[in-house]
Protein backbone atom coordinates (compact mmCIF):
# COMPACT_ATOMS: atom_id res chain seq x y z
CA MET A 1 0.00 0.00 0.00
CA PHE A 2 1.10 3.57 -0.69
CA ARG A 3 1.08 5.96 2.21
CA THR A 4 1.22 8.76 -0.37
CA LEU A 5 -0.42 8.60 -3.84
CA TYR A 6 1.27 9.11 -7.25
CA LYS A 7 0.99 8.93 -11.19
CA ALA A 8 3.38 7.93 -14.14
CA SER A 9 5.11 7.45 -17.55
CA VAL A 10 7.82 5.11 -18.89
CA VAL A 11 11.61 5.20 -18.93
CA LEU A 12 13.99 2.25 -19.07
CA LEU A 13 16.86 2.41 -16.60
CA LEU A 14 19.29 -0.17 -15.25
CA ILE A 15 18.58 0.36 -11.62
CA TRP A 16 21.90 1.03 -9.90
CA LEU A 17 23.89 1.87 -13.02
CA PRO A 18 24.78 5.17 -14.73
CA VAL A 19 22.75 6.12 -17.79
CA VAL A 20 24.26 7.64 -20.95
CA GLY A 21 21.13 7.72 -23.09
CA GLN A 22 17.49 6.75 -22.96
CA THR A 23 16.42 3.45 -24.51
CA GLU A 24 13.36 2.04 -26.18
CA ALA A 25 12.95 -1.72 -26.47
CA SER A 26 11.97 -3.52 -29.64
CA LYS A 27 12.77 -6.93 -31.11
CA ASN A 28 15.28 -6.69 -33.97
CA ASP A 29 18.98 -7.06 -34.62
CA SER A 30 19.96 -3.39 -34.50
CA ILE A 31 20.81 -0.52 -32.18
CA THR A 32 19.74 2.91 -33.34
CA GLY A 33 20.06 6.44 -32.02
CA ARG A 34 20.85 10.10 -32.55
CA VAL A 35 23.74 12.42 -31.81
CA VAL A 36 22.79 16.05 -31.18
CA ASP A 37 24.29 19.18 -29.68
CA GLN A 38 23.12 20.87 -26.50
CA SER A 39 20.41 22.79 -28.33
CA GLY A 40 19.06 19.61 -29.93
CA GLN A 41 20.53 20.25 -33.41
CA PRO A 42 21.77 17.12 -35.24
CA LEU A 43 25.48 16.41 -35.48
CA PRO A 44 26.27 14.65 -38.78
CA ASN A 45 29.44 12.58 -39.30
CA ALA A 46 29.82 11.64 -35.62
CA ARG A 47 31.53 8.27 -35.31
CA VAL A 48 29.61 5.54 -33.47
CA SER A 49 30.97 2.15 -32.38
CA VAL A 50 29.01 -0.78 -30.95
CA VAL A 51 31.21 -3.12 -28.93
CA PRO A 52 30.25 -6.33 -27.05
CA ALA A 53 30.22 -5.63 -23.30
CA GLN A 54 32.24 -8.81 -22.76
CA GLY A 55 35.08 -7.40 -24.85
CA GLY A 56 36.41 -8.08 -28.31
CA ARG A 57 36.32 -6.25 -31.61
CA PRO A 58 33.55 -3.75 -32.40
CA SER A 59 30.49 -5.44 -33.88
CA GLY A 60 29.72 -2.37 -35.93
CA ARG A 61 31.00 1.09 -36.78
CA THR A 62 29.10 3.82 -38.54
CA TYR A 63 28.69 7.59 -38.86
CA THR A 64 25.62 9.68 -38.23
CA ASP A 65 23.67 11.03 -41.22
CA ARG A 66 22.62 14.64 -41.82
CA GLU A 67 19.86 14.23 -39.20
CA GLY A 68 22.35 12.99 -36.62
CA SER A 69 20.84 9.50 -36.77
CA PHE A 70 22.65 6.16 -36.86
CA LYS A 71 21.76 2.48 -37.11
CA VAL A 72 24.00 -0.55 -36.58
CA THR A 73 22.45 -3.83 -37.78
CA GLY A 74 23.32 -7.51 -37.78
CA LEU A 75 23.88 -7.63 -34.01
CA ASP A 76 23.62 -10.76 -31.86
CA PRO A 77 21.34 -10.64 -28.77
CA VAL A 78 24.13 -9.89 -26.27
CA PRO A 79 24.90 -6.80 -24.13
CA TYR A 80 26.76 -3.98 -25.89
CA ARG A 81 28.48 -0.71 -25.10
CA VAL A 82 27.88 2.13 -27.50
CA HIS A 83 30.59 4.75 -27.95
CA ALA A 84 30.20 8.02 -29.83
CA ASP A 85 32.76 10.70 -30.58
CA MET A 86 32.84 13.89 -32.59
CA PRO A 87 35.93 16.04 -33.24
CA ALA A 88 36.01 19.16 -31.04
CA TYR A 89 32.95 17.96 -29.06
CA ILE A 90 32.54 16.17 -25.73
CA LEU A 91 29.61 14.34 -24.14
CA SER A 92 27.43 16.58 -21.99
CA THR A 93 27.04 13.84 -19.37
CA GLU A 94 29.80 12.92 -16.95
CA GLU A 95 28.84 9.26 -17.02
CA PRO A 96 31.59 7.02 -18.43
CA GLN A 97 31.52 5.44 -21.88
CA PHE A 98 34.26 3.02 -20.88
CA GLY A 99 35.08 0.90 -17.85
CA PRO A 100 32.96 -1.40 -15.68
CA SER A 101 30.35 1.23 -14.81
CA ALA A 102 29.64 2.19 -18.43
CA ARG A 103 26.04 1.78 -19.59
CA GLN A 104 25.14 -1.40 -21.48
CA TYR A 105 22.59 -1.73 -24.27
CA LYS A 106 20.81 -4.55 -26.07
CA VAL A 107 19.47 -4.97 -29.60
CA GLY A 108 16.34 -2.91 -30.11
CA ASP A 109 17.56 -0.05 -27.92
CA SER A 110 17.60 3.54 -29.16
CA VAL A 111 20.39 5.70 -27.76
CA LYS A 112 20.63 9.46 -27.57
CA PHE A 113 24.00 11.20 -27.15
CA VAL A 114 24.13 14.90 -26.36
CA PHE A 115 27.43 16.65 -27.14
CA ILE A 116 28.72 20.10 -26.26
CA LYS A 117 31.58 22.04 -27.84
CA GLY A 118 34.81 21.40 -25.99
CA GLY A 119 37.27 24.00 -24.79
CA VAL A 120 40.49 25.00 -26.56
CA ILE A 121 44.04 25.73 -25.40
CA THR A 122 46.35 27.37 -27.92
CA GLY A 123 49.73 29.06 -27.88
CA ALA A 124 53.28 28.96 -29.26
CA VAL A 125 56.46 27.10 -28.33
CA THR A 126 59.74 28.98 -28.74
CA THR A 127 63.35 28.71 -27.62
CA ALA A 128 64.92 31.12 -25.14
CA ASN A 129 66.11 33.12 -28.19
CA GLY A 130 62.57 33.43 -29.52
CA ASP A 131 62.93 30.93 -32.37
CA SER A 132 59.91 28.76 -33.18
CA VAL A 133 60.09 25.11 -32.14
CA ILE A 134 58.55 23.12 -34.98
CA GLY A 135 56.96 19.66 -34.69
CA ILE A 136 57.22 19.33 -30.92
CA GLY A 137 54.50 17.44 -29.06
CA VAL A 138 52.37 19.47 -26.65
CA ARG A 139 50.10 17.93 -24.01
CA ALA A 140 47.22 19.36 -22.01
CA ARG A 141 46.51 17.27 -18.90
CA MET A 142 43.53 17.82 -16.62
CA VAL A 143 44.43 18.13 -12.93
CA ARG A 144 41.06 19.34 -11.55
CA ASN A 145 37.59 18.75 -12.95
CA GLN A 146 34.89 21.36 -13.48
CA LYS A 147 33.80 20.92 -9.85
CA ASP A 148 37.33 21.96 -8.84
CA GLN A 149 38.03 18.49 -7.44
CA ARG A 150 41.69 17.49 -7.73
CA LEU A 151 42.13 14.29 -9.74
CA THR A 152 44.17 11.35 -8.54
CA THR A 153 44.37 9.77 -12.00
CA THR A 154 44.62 11.14 -15.52
CA THR A 155 41.09 11.07 -16.87
CA THR A 156 41.72 13.54 -19.70
CA GLN A 157 44.88 14.19 -21.68
CA ARG A 158 44.98 15.63 -25.20
CA GLU A 159 48.02 16.00 -27.43
CA GLY A 160 48.96 18.07 -30.45
CA LYS A 161 52.04 19.27 -32.35
CA THR A 162 53.32 22.68 -33.25
CA ASP A 163 53.12 23.78 -36.90
CA ASP A 164 55.78 25.56 -38.95
CA ARG A 165 55.20 28.71 -36.88
CA GLY A 166 55.67 26.89 -33.59
CA VAL A 167 51.93 27.28 -32.87
CA TYR A 168 49.83 24.50 -31.33
CA ARG A 169 46.09 24.16 -30.83
CA ILE A 170 44.49 21.50 -28.60
CA TYR A 171 40.69 21.29 -28.83
CA GLY A 172 37.79 19.17 -27.59
CA LEU A 173 38.71 19.64 -23.92
CA PRO A 174 36.19 19.03 -21.12
CA ALA A 175 35.77 21.92 -18.70
CA GLY A 176 38.35 21.86 -15.91
CA THR A 177 41.86 22.95 -14.95
CA TYR A 178 44.89 21.85 -16.97
CA VAL A 179 48.67 21.95 -17.05
CA VAL A 180 50.36 22.18 -20.47
CA SER A 181 53.80 20.85 -21.37
CA ALA A 182 55.99 20.48 -24.47
CA GLY A 183 58.52 17.76 -25.29
CA GLY A 184 59.38 14.52 -23.47
CA ASP A 185 56.95 12.38 -21.52
CA GLY A 186 55.09 11.41 -24.71
CA ASP A 187 53.37 8.19 -25.69
CA TYR A 188 55.63 6.63 -28.31
CA SER A 189 54.19 3.14 -28.02
CA HIS A 190 53.77 2.59 -31.76
CA GLY A 191 56.85 4.09 -33.37
CA PRO A 192 60.45 5.21 -32.99
CA LEU A 193 61.51 7.90 -30.56
CA GLY A 194 60.89 11.44 -31.73
CA ALA A 195 63.34 14.32 -31.91
CA PHE A 196 62.22 15.77 -28.57
CA ASP A 197 61.64 12.56 -26.57
CA ASN A 198 65.05 12.66 -24.89
CA PHE A 199 64.28 16.05 -23.38
CA LEU A 200 62.41 16.76 -20.19
CA PRO A 201 58.93 18.22 -20.63
CA THR A 202 58.78 22.00 -20.25
CA TYR A 203 55.62 23.17 -18.49
CA ALA A 204 53.96 26.43 -19.47
CA PRO A 205 55.24 29.04 -19.28
CA SER A 206 58.83 27.78 -18.70
CA ALA A 207 59.00 25.34 -15.79
CA SER A 208 61.06 22.17 -15.57
CA THR A 209 58.77 20.54 -12.99
CA ARG A 210 55.05 20.04 -12.56
CA GLU A 211 55.14 22.14 -9.37
CA GLY A 212 56.18 25.20 -11.38
CA ALA A 213 53.45 24.87 -14.00
CA VAL A 214 50.74 27.50 -14.43
CA GLU A 215 47.27 25.95 -14.19
CA ILE A 216 44.97 26.87 -17.08
CA SER A 217 41.20 27.14 -16.57
CA VAL A 218 39.16 25.80 -19.50
CA ARG A 219 35.45 26.28 -20.12
CA SER A 220 33.29 24.43 -22.62
CA GLY A 221 33.13 26.21 -26.00
CA GLU A 222 35.75 28.82 -25.03
CA GLU A 223 39.41 29.35 -25.98
CA SER A 224 42.33 29.85 -23.62
CA ASN A 225 44.76 31.82 -25.81
CA ASN A 226 48.44 32.72 -25.54
CA VAL A 227 49.40 29.73 -23.40
CA ASP A 228 52.98 30.08 -24.61
CA ILE A 229 55.90 27.85 -23.65
CA THR A 230 59.60 28.73 -23.64
CA PHE A 231 61.19 25.34 -24.27
CA ARG A 232 64.13 24.70 -21.95
CA GLY A 233 65.76 21.86 -23.90
CA GLU A 234 67.01 20.01 -20.80
CA MET A 235 68.01 16.38 -21.19
CA GLY A 236 66.13 13.87 -19.03
CA ARG A 237 67.10 10.65 -17.33
CA THR A 238 66.67 7.15 -18.78
CA ILE A 239 65.02 4.09 -17.23
CA SER A 240 65.77 0.77 -18.95
CA GLY A 241 65.81 -2.92 -18.20
CA THR A 242 64.84 -6.40 -19.32
CA MET A 243 61.67 -8.44 -19.43
CA SER A 244 61.17 -12.15 -18.78
CA GLY A 245 58.30 -14.59 -18.59
CA PRO A 246 55.93 -16.36 -21.01
CA GLY A 247 54.58 -14.59 -24.05
CA ILE A 248 57.30 -11.99 -24.51
CA GLU A 249 58.52 -13.57 -27.76
CA GLY A 250 55.45 -12.05 -29.38
CA GLY A 251 56.26 -8.58 -28.10
CA PHE A 252 55.24 -6.90 -24.86
CA THR A 253 54.16 -3.54 -23.47
CA VAL A 254 55.83 -1.65 -20.63
CA ASN A 255 54.01 1.10 -18.73
CA LEU A 256 55.69 3.90 -16.77
CA THR A 257 53.32 5.50 -14.26
CA THR A 258 53.94 8.43 -11.94
CA ALA A 259 53.81 7.51 -8.25
CA GLY A 260 54.08 10.94 -6.64
CA PRO A 261 51.24 12.95 -5.04
CA ALA A 262 51.69 16.06 -7.20
CA GLY A 263 48.76 16.27 -9.61
CA SER A 264 47.02 13.35 -11.28
CA GLN A 265 48.65 10.04 -12.11
CA THR A 266 50.06 9.88 -15.65
CA ASN A 267 50.93 6.82 -17.68
CA VAL A 268 53.31 6.40 -20.64
CA SER A 269 53.41 3.08 -22.48
CA ARG A 270 55.78 1.56 -24.99
CA PHE A 271 55.26 -1.55 -27.09
CA ILE A 272 58.46 -3.57 -27.56
CA GLN A 273 58.60 -5.37 -30.87
CA PRO A 274 59.22 -9.16 -31.00
CA GLY A 275 62.84 -10.25 -30.99
CA THR A 276 64.12 -8.42 -27.90
CA SER A 277 63.59 -8.50 -24.15
CA GLN A 278 64.97 -5.01 -23.52
CA PHE A 279 63.04 -1.77 -23.01
CA MET A 280 63.93 1.90 -22.45
CA PHE A 281 62.19 5.14 -21.44
CA PRO A 282 64.26 8.30 -22.19
CA GLY A 283 63.52 11.91 -21.26
CA ILE A 284 62.23 11.10 -17.76
CA ALA A 285 62.25 13.65 -14.94
CA GLU A 286 63.60 12.65 -11.56
CA GLY A 287 60.91 11.31 -9.27
CA ASP A 288 59.04 8.16 -8.25
CA TYR A 289 57.47 5.83 -10.80
CA TYR A 290 55.89 2.42 -11.18
CA LEU A 291 57.05 0.11 -13.98
CA THR A 292 54.55 -2.53 -15.09
CA ALA A 293 54.72 -4.85 -18.10
CA HIS A 294 52.17 -7.10 -19.77
CA SER A 295 52.11 -9.66 -22.56
CA TYR A 296 49.84 -12.43 -23.84
CA SER A 297 50.27 -16.19 -23.65
CA GLN A 298 49.78 -18.42 -26.68
CA GLY A 299 46.22 -18.98 -25.45
CA ARG A 300 45.72 -15.19 -25.41
CA GLU A 301 45.61 -15.04 -21.64
CA LEU A 302 46.92 -11.77 -20.24
CA LEU A 303 50.13 -11.84 -18.20
CA LEU A 304 51.17 -8.96 -15.94
CA SER A 305 54.21 -8.09 -13.85
CA GLU A 306 53.97 -6.82 -10.30
CA PRO A 307 54.27 -2.99 -10.34
CA LYS A 308 57.88 -2.13 -9.44
CA LEU A 309 58.55 1.14 -7.64
CA ILE A 310 61.40 3.10 -9.26
CA ARG A 311 63.05 6.03 -7.45
CA LEU A 312 64.91 8.04 -10.11
CA ARG A 313 67.50 10.27 -8.44
CA GLY A 314 70.81 11.65 -9.74
CA ALA A 315 71.56 9.01 -12.41
CA ASP A 316 69.99 6.79 -15.06
CA ILE A 317 68.60 3.41 -14.02
CA ASP A 318 69.44 0.58 -16.40
CA ASP A 319 69.03 -2.67 -14.46
CA VAL A 320 65.27 -3.05 -13.95
CA GLU A 321 64.02 -6.62 -14.25
CA LEU A 322 60.32 -7.33 -14.85
CA THR A 323 58.69 -10.78 -14.91
CA VAL A 324 55.15 -11.38 -16.11
CA THR A 325 52.83 -14.01 -14.63
CA LEU A 326 49.23 -15.06 -15.17
CA LEU A 327 46.53 -13.01 -13.50
CA GLY A 328 43.80 -14.37 -11.26
CA SER A 329 40.34 -15.59 -12.23
CA ILE A 330 37.05 -16.64 -10.68
CA SER A 331 34.46 -18.97 -12.14
CA GLY A 332 30.89 -19.73 -11.21
CA ARG A 333 27.34 -20.25 -12.35
CA VAL A 334 24.08 -18.34 -12.71
CA LEU A 335 21.03 -20.02 -11.14
CA LEU A 336 17.41 -19.13 -11.98
CA GLU A 337 14.66 -19.48 -9.35
CA GLU A 338 11.16 -19.52 -10.78
CA SER A 339 8.17 -18.12 -8.88
CA LYS A 340 4.88 -19.88 -8.15
CA VAL A 341 2.97 -16.59 -7.92
CA SER A 342 0.22 -16.56 -10.54
CA GLU A 343 1.08 -13.02 -11.72
CA CYS A 344 4.56 -14.24 -12.68
CA GLN A 345 3.52 -17.19 -14.81
CA GLY A 346 4.44 -17.00 -18.50
CA LYS A 347 7.09 -14.30 -17.95
CA GLN A 348 10.13 -14.70 -20.19
CA PRO A 349 13.25 -15.83 -18.27
CA PRO A 350 16.54 -14.00 -18.93
CA GLU A 351 18.79 -15.45 -21.60
CA PHE A 352 22.30 -16.18 -20.39
CA LYS A 353 23.89 -14.69 -23.50
CA GLU A 354 22.18 -11.35 -22.74
CA MET A 355 23.65 -11.20 -19.22
CA SER A 356 27.01 -9.92 -18.02
CA ILE A 357 28.90 -10.65 -14.82
CA SER A 358 31.61 -8.21 -13.67
CA ALA A 359 34.20 -8.05 -10.91
CA TRP A 360 34.85 -4.52 -9.57
CA HIS A 361 38.04 -3.93 -7.61
CA ARG A 362 38.10 -2.21 -4.23
CA ASP A 363 38.76 1.49 -4.79
CA ASN A 364 40.84 2.17 -1.68
CA GLU A 365 44.12 3.98 -1.07
CA ALA A 366 46.20 0.94 -1.98
CA ALA A 367 44.43 0.59 -5.34
CA ARG A 368 44.68 4.32 -6.12
CA ASN A 369 48.45 4.19 -5.60
CA GLN A 370 48.79 1.42 -8.19
CA PRO A 371 48.85 2.03 -11.97
CA GLN A 372 45.21 2.62 -12.84
CA PHE A 373 45.19 0.90 -16.23
CA ILE A 374 45.37 -2.54 -14.60
CA TRP A 375 41.85 -2.24 -13.16
CA SER A 376 40.27 -2.26 -16.64
CA MET A 377 41.74 -5.65 -17.58
CA GLY A 378 39.04 -7.95 -16.18
CA ALA A 379 36.29 -7.48 -18.79
CA PRO A 380 32.66 -8.46 -18.04
CA VAL A 381 31.67 -11.92 -19.25
CA ALA A 382 28.46 -13.60 -20.43
CA PRO A 383 27.49 -17.04 -19.08
CA ASP A 384 27.38 -19.95 -21.51
CA ALA A 385 24.22 -21.87 -22.39
CA GLN A 386 24.35 -23.72 -19.04
CA GLY A 387 24.90 -20.54 -17.03
CA ASN A 388 28.62 -21.14 -16.38
CA PHE A 389 31.10 -18.26 -16.56
CA THR A 390 34.74 -17.37 -15.81
CA ILE A 391 36.01 -13.83 -15.21
CA ARG A 392 39.69 -13.74 -16.20
CA ASN A 393 42.58 -11.27 -16.07
CA LEU A 394 41.94 -10.00 -12.54
CA ALA A 395 44.85 -8.17 -10.93
CA ALA A 396 45.58 -8.91 -7.28
CA SER A 397 42.99 -7.00 -5.26
CA GLN A 398 39.72 -7.30 -3.38
CA TYR A 399 36.54 -7.50 -5.48
CA TYR A 400 32.78 -7.39 -5.38
CA PHE A 401 30.51 -8.58 -8.16
CA VAL A 402 27.87 -7.02 -10.38
CA ALA A 403 25.26 -8.80 -12.54
CA ARG A 404 23.37 -7.11 -15.37
CA PHE A 405 20.41 -8.63 -17.21
CA PRO A 406 17.50 -7.29 -19.27
CA ALA A 407 14.57 -9.49 -18.12
CA ARG A 408 12.12 -7.12 -16.39
CA SER A 409 10.37 -9.75 -14.23
CA TRP A 410 13.56 -11.06 -12.58
CA TYR A 411 15.72 -9.59 -9.82
CA LEU A 412 19.16 -10.26 -8.39
CA LYS A 413 18.51 -12.30 -5.23
CA SER A 414 22.02 -13.22 -4.04
CA ILE A 415 25.68 -13.60 -4.89
CA ALA A 416 27.56 -16.15 -2.82
CA ILE A 417 30.66 -18.30 -3.05
CA SER A 418 30.73 -21.94 -2.05
CA PRO A 419 33.61 -23.05 0.19
CA PRO A 420 36.12 -25.66 -1.03
CA ALA A 421 35.08 -29.29 -0.70
CA THR A 422 37.68 -29.73 2.04
CA ALA A 423 36.27 -26.93 4.21
CA ARG A 424 34.61 -27.92 7.50
CA ASP A 425 31.95 -25.22 7.15
CA ARG A 426 30.06 -25.84 3.92
CA LYS A 427 27.84 -22.77 4.24
CA PRO A 428 28.22 -20.37 1.26
CA THR A 429 29.63 -16.90 1.96
CA ASP A 430 27.49 -13.91 1.01
CA VAL A 431 29.97 -11.91 -1.09
CA THR A 432 27.69 -8.89 -1.35
CA ARG A 433 28.61 -8.03 2.27
CA VAL A 434 32.34 -8.82 2.19
CA TRP A 435 35.18 -8.30 -0.25
CA THR A 436 36.57 -11.30 -2.12
CA THR A 437 40.36 -11.40 -2.22
CA ILE A 438 41.97 -12.55 -5.47
CA THR A 439 45.75 -12.79 -5.77
CA THR A 440 48.06 -13.44 -8.73
CA ARG A 441 47.53 -16.88 -10.32
CA ASP A 442 44.43 -17.56 -8.17
CA LYS A 443 41.87 -19.78 -9.88
CA LEU A 444 38.85 -19.38 -7.61
CA SER A 445 35.58 -21.19 -8.26
CA GLY A 446 32.12 -21.65 -6.78
CA LEU A 447 30.66 -18.17 -7.33
CA ILE A 448 26.87 -18.53 -7.47
CA VAL A 449 24.74 -15.68 -8.88
CA THR A 450 21.05 -16.30 -8.17
CA LEU A 451 18.30 -14.53 -10.11
CA ALA A 452 14.74 -14.90 -8.85
CA GLN A 453 11.50 -14.48 -10.75
CA GLY A 454 9.00 -12.00 -9.36
CA ALA A 455 10.59 -8.59 -9.85
CA ALA A 456 8.45 -5.46 -9.68
CA SER A 457 8.70 -2.18 -11.63
CA LEU A 458 7.94 1.44 -10.74
CA GLU A 459 7.51 4.11 -13.41
CA GLY A 460 6.29 7.62 -12.97
CA GLN A 461 6.78 11.37 -12.96
CA VAL A 462 8.29 13.92 -10.61
CA VAL A 463 5.65 16.55 -9.83
CA VAL A 464 6.81 20.15 -9.32
CA GLY A 465 4.50 22.27 -7.18
CA GLU A 466 3.63 25.88 -7.83
CA GLY A 467 6.61 28.11 -7.13
CA GLU A 468 9.01 25.15 -6.84
CA ILE A 469 12.15 24.72 -8.95
CA ARG A 470 13.28 21.17 -9.66
CA PRO A 471 17.06 20.69 -9.28
CA GLU A 472 18.85 20.15 -12.58
CA LYS A 473 20.01 16.65 -11.63
CA LEU A 474 17.89 14.48 -9.35
CA LEU A 475 18.26 10.92 -8.12
CA VAL A 476 15.40 8.66 -7.09
CA TYR A 477 16.05 6.12 -4.32
CA LEU A 478 14.27 3.00 -3.13
CA VAL A 479 15.71 1.59 0.11
CA PRO A 480 14.32 -1.20 2.33
CA SER A 481 12.15 0.04 5.17
CA GLU A 482 12.09 -3.22 7.15
CA ARG A 483 14.71 -3.11 9.89
CA GLU A 484 15.70 -6.72 9.28
CA ALA A 485 16.55 -5.80 5.67
CA ALA A 486 18.89 -2.92 6.54
CA ASP A 487 21.96 -5.00 5.57
CA GLU A 488 20.51 -6.48 2.38
CA LEU A 489 22.70 -4.62 -0.11
CA LEU A 490 20.89 -5.95 -3.17
CA ARG A 491 17.67 -4.24 -2.06
CA PHE A 492 19.12 -0.74 -2.36
CA TYR A 493 18.04 0.78 -5.69
CA GLY A 494 18.50 4.13 -7.34
CA GLY A 495 18.59 5.89 -10.67
CA PRO A 496 18.72 9.33 -12.28
CA VAL A 497 15.58 11.29 -13.03
CA SER A 498 15.35 12.16 -16.73
CA GLU A 499 15.41 15.75 -17.99
CA ASP A 500 11.62 15.78 -18.32
CA GLY A 501 11.08 14.42 -14.81
CA LYS A 502 10.43 10.76 -15.61
CA ILE A 503 11.54 8.06 -13.20
CA GLY A 504 11.89 4.31 -13.65
CA LEU A 505 13.07 1.61 -11.28
CA HIS A 506 13.01 -2.01 -12.45
CA ASN A 507 14.12 -5.50 -11.41
CA LEU A 508 12.95 -4.78 -7.85
CA ALA A 509 12.80 -7.48 -5.18
CA PRO A 510 9.37 -7.69 -3.50
CA GLY A 511 9.15 -5.97 -0.12
CA ARG A 512 8.56 -2.66 1.67
CA TYR A 513 10.66 0.40 0.81
CA TRP A 514 11.19 4.08 1.48
CA LEU A 515 10.87 6.07 -1.77
CA PHE A 516 12.43 9.54 -2.07
CA LEU A 517 14.29 12.06 -4.26
CA GLN A 518 17.57 13.86 -3.62
CA PRO A 519 19.83 16.21 -5.63
CA ALA A 520 22.65 14.32 -7.32
CA SER A 521 25.19 16.87 -6.04
CA ASP A 522 24.46 15.86 -2.44
CA ASN A 523 25.16 12.16 -2.97
CA PRO A 524 28.01 9.79 -3.81
CA PRO A 525 27.78 7.76 -7.04
CA LEU A 526 24.84 5.35 -7.14
CA THR A 527 27.20 2.38 -7.37
CA LYS A 528 28.44 3.05 -3.81
CA MET A 529 25.11 1.95 -2.33
CA ARG A 530 26.09 -1.67 -2.88
CA VAL A 531 29.78 -1.51 -1.97
CA PRO A 532 30.39 -3.82 1.04
CA ASP A 533 31.99 -1.26 3.36
CA GLU A 534 29.61 1.64 2.57
CA THR A 535 27.48 0.88 5.63
CA GLY A 536 27.39 4.59 6.53
CA THR A 537 26.00 5.51 3.10
CA ARG A 538 23.23 2.94 3.38
CA ALA A 539 22.37 3.95 6.93
CA ARG A 540 22.11 7.61 5.86
CA LEU A 541 19.87 6.73 2.94
CA ARG A 542 17.54 4.76 5.22
CA ARG A 543 17.36 7.68 7.63
CA ASP A 544 16.59 10.07 4.77
CA GLY A 545 13.90 7.75 3.47
CA GLU A 546 12.32 7.35 6.87
CA ALA A 547 12.32 11.13 7.34
CA GLY A 548 10.45 11.53 4.05
CA LYS A 549 7.72 9.16 5.28
CA VAL A 550 6.86 7.86 1.78
CA GLU A 551 6.64 4.09 2.17
CA ILE A 552 5.64 1.71 -0.60
CA GLU A 553 5.19 -2.03 -0.78
CA VAL A 554 5.92 -3.79 -4.05
CA LYS A 555 4.67 -7.30 -4.75
CA ALA A 556 5.93 -10.07 -7.01
CA CYS A 557 5.65 -9.17 -10.72
CA GLN A 558 3.78 -5.95 -9.90
CA SER A 559 4.08 -3.14 -12.46
CA VAL A 560 3.23 0.36 -11.23
CA THR A 561 2.89 2.85 -14.09
CA ASP A 562 1.00 5.74 -12.50
CA LEU A 563 3.45 6.98 -9.89
CA LYS A 564 3.64 10.66 -8.98
CA LEU A 565 6.46 11.78 -6.71
CA PRO A 566 6.53 15.37 -5.37
């Protein structure tokens, strides 16, 4: 029963996951959509890629037509990620297109991407004598986002080169604060060293270290002019060494990552061609770095070396030894529990090939101090026809698990791991409440993901009263109101409210809940609701829900479509 009454409309959201675009379901083999600017005008010639969520090559690439529309056909019924890009433009949303929290789509969905014009940094690079420096690489690296939050990793870096006048222009920059440098520190992973790669980077206007750099404020659609650099031409240090382990005969990649606290973490990679086990990074400033290497076995399994801390002081380092080993994995099975409730009979069960199972690493201080690229290696996987799956290429860390599936009448009931056959206690461990530790070469098994039939759905509209102003970005929450369910992480739901005030929460477990709205700016990311150690976040949400006094009970396979939420 509702304690407060409401009314509704329809929007399709994956309940605890970020949303890039709205979707409309239909049965076909294509994904369609539009790319527009902030004013709703079409953007022709935007590039769109459709990639299986479980990894692999793009299933389709296309460009938008004069109306900004696109269509990719011939797709299998599996989850996909849809990426769009347009020169000089950036997505208006801050939600990621890549990584484990990126939105997933299925065939029949229609996606809308809204782009805004990016910012520009331009200037000239000259010598101390005023001569133009031609063909030197220039990088703009974000150090604080548009909310003025200092970044711990490099989320945005753009590069360009000076022309015959020594002038550079870097465009398509998200709003934020940047440092700009010329020479050295470049990504030369797919070619020989350039003319300026042996030199240290010079930071604008003429600093040899990051600490001396001037920070440049960039706004969307605006230019930051005259960001000139007087190139110092100082030679840098060299880090070199050898690589060992399986798979290196086919070539390998070495990554050099900053380890210091000054600014965001940066990463430079170099692919070493087959036929040698030696690597070298020239033009490196003194400081602390991590060296990490990876290669692939003959079976295409990823091998990774332990990050090695390098302290570069006073002299070159030429004796680094890296050894790659297999990463960890965890295997398991998806179980389906059917309901005997009459309202649930005849509902379509989820297809295993349309599901994805992911392992998300623990984002703590230890993980943030490691090279960040390693956390994207364990791609989501789809179960096979019997529901079995294996998540591979997991770096040593602690993990929790996420299941995504499209079937509206099913919900995620539990995720547990069975103990080894030799264990005295045979009771499965609820891994939604604790972190699962995976170390190098671990081959864990027994992960059981249980989906239950009987999920409910809520769809509706946010109602704005006379004289009220709705916040630009709102989140809708549904948290368990029963005290005994306070620690049931899988019963915490949330999603963004659309621009026109529509809400939609699906795949809901039956039970009693507090239902409420809050500004997005006042809350951590929705994904944190289900992180094992975010007990404080969940307790606060329950208190907020109880204070709002809007309680709702949802029943098995119930579909509410007339919800109104003030």
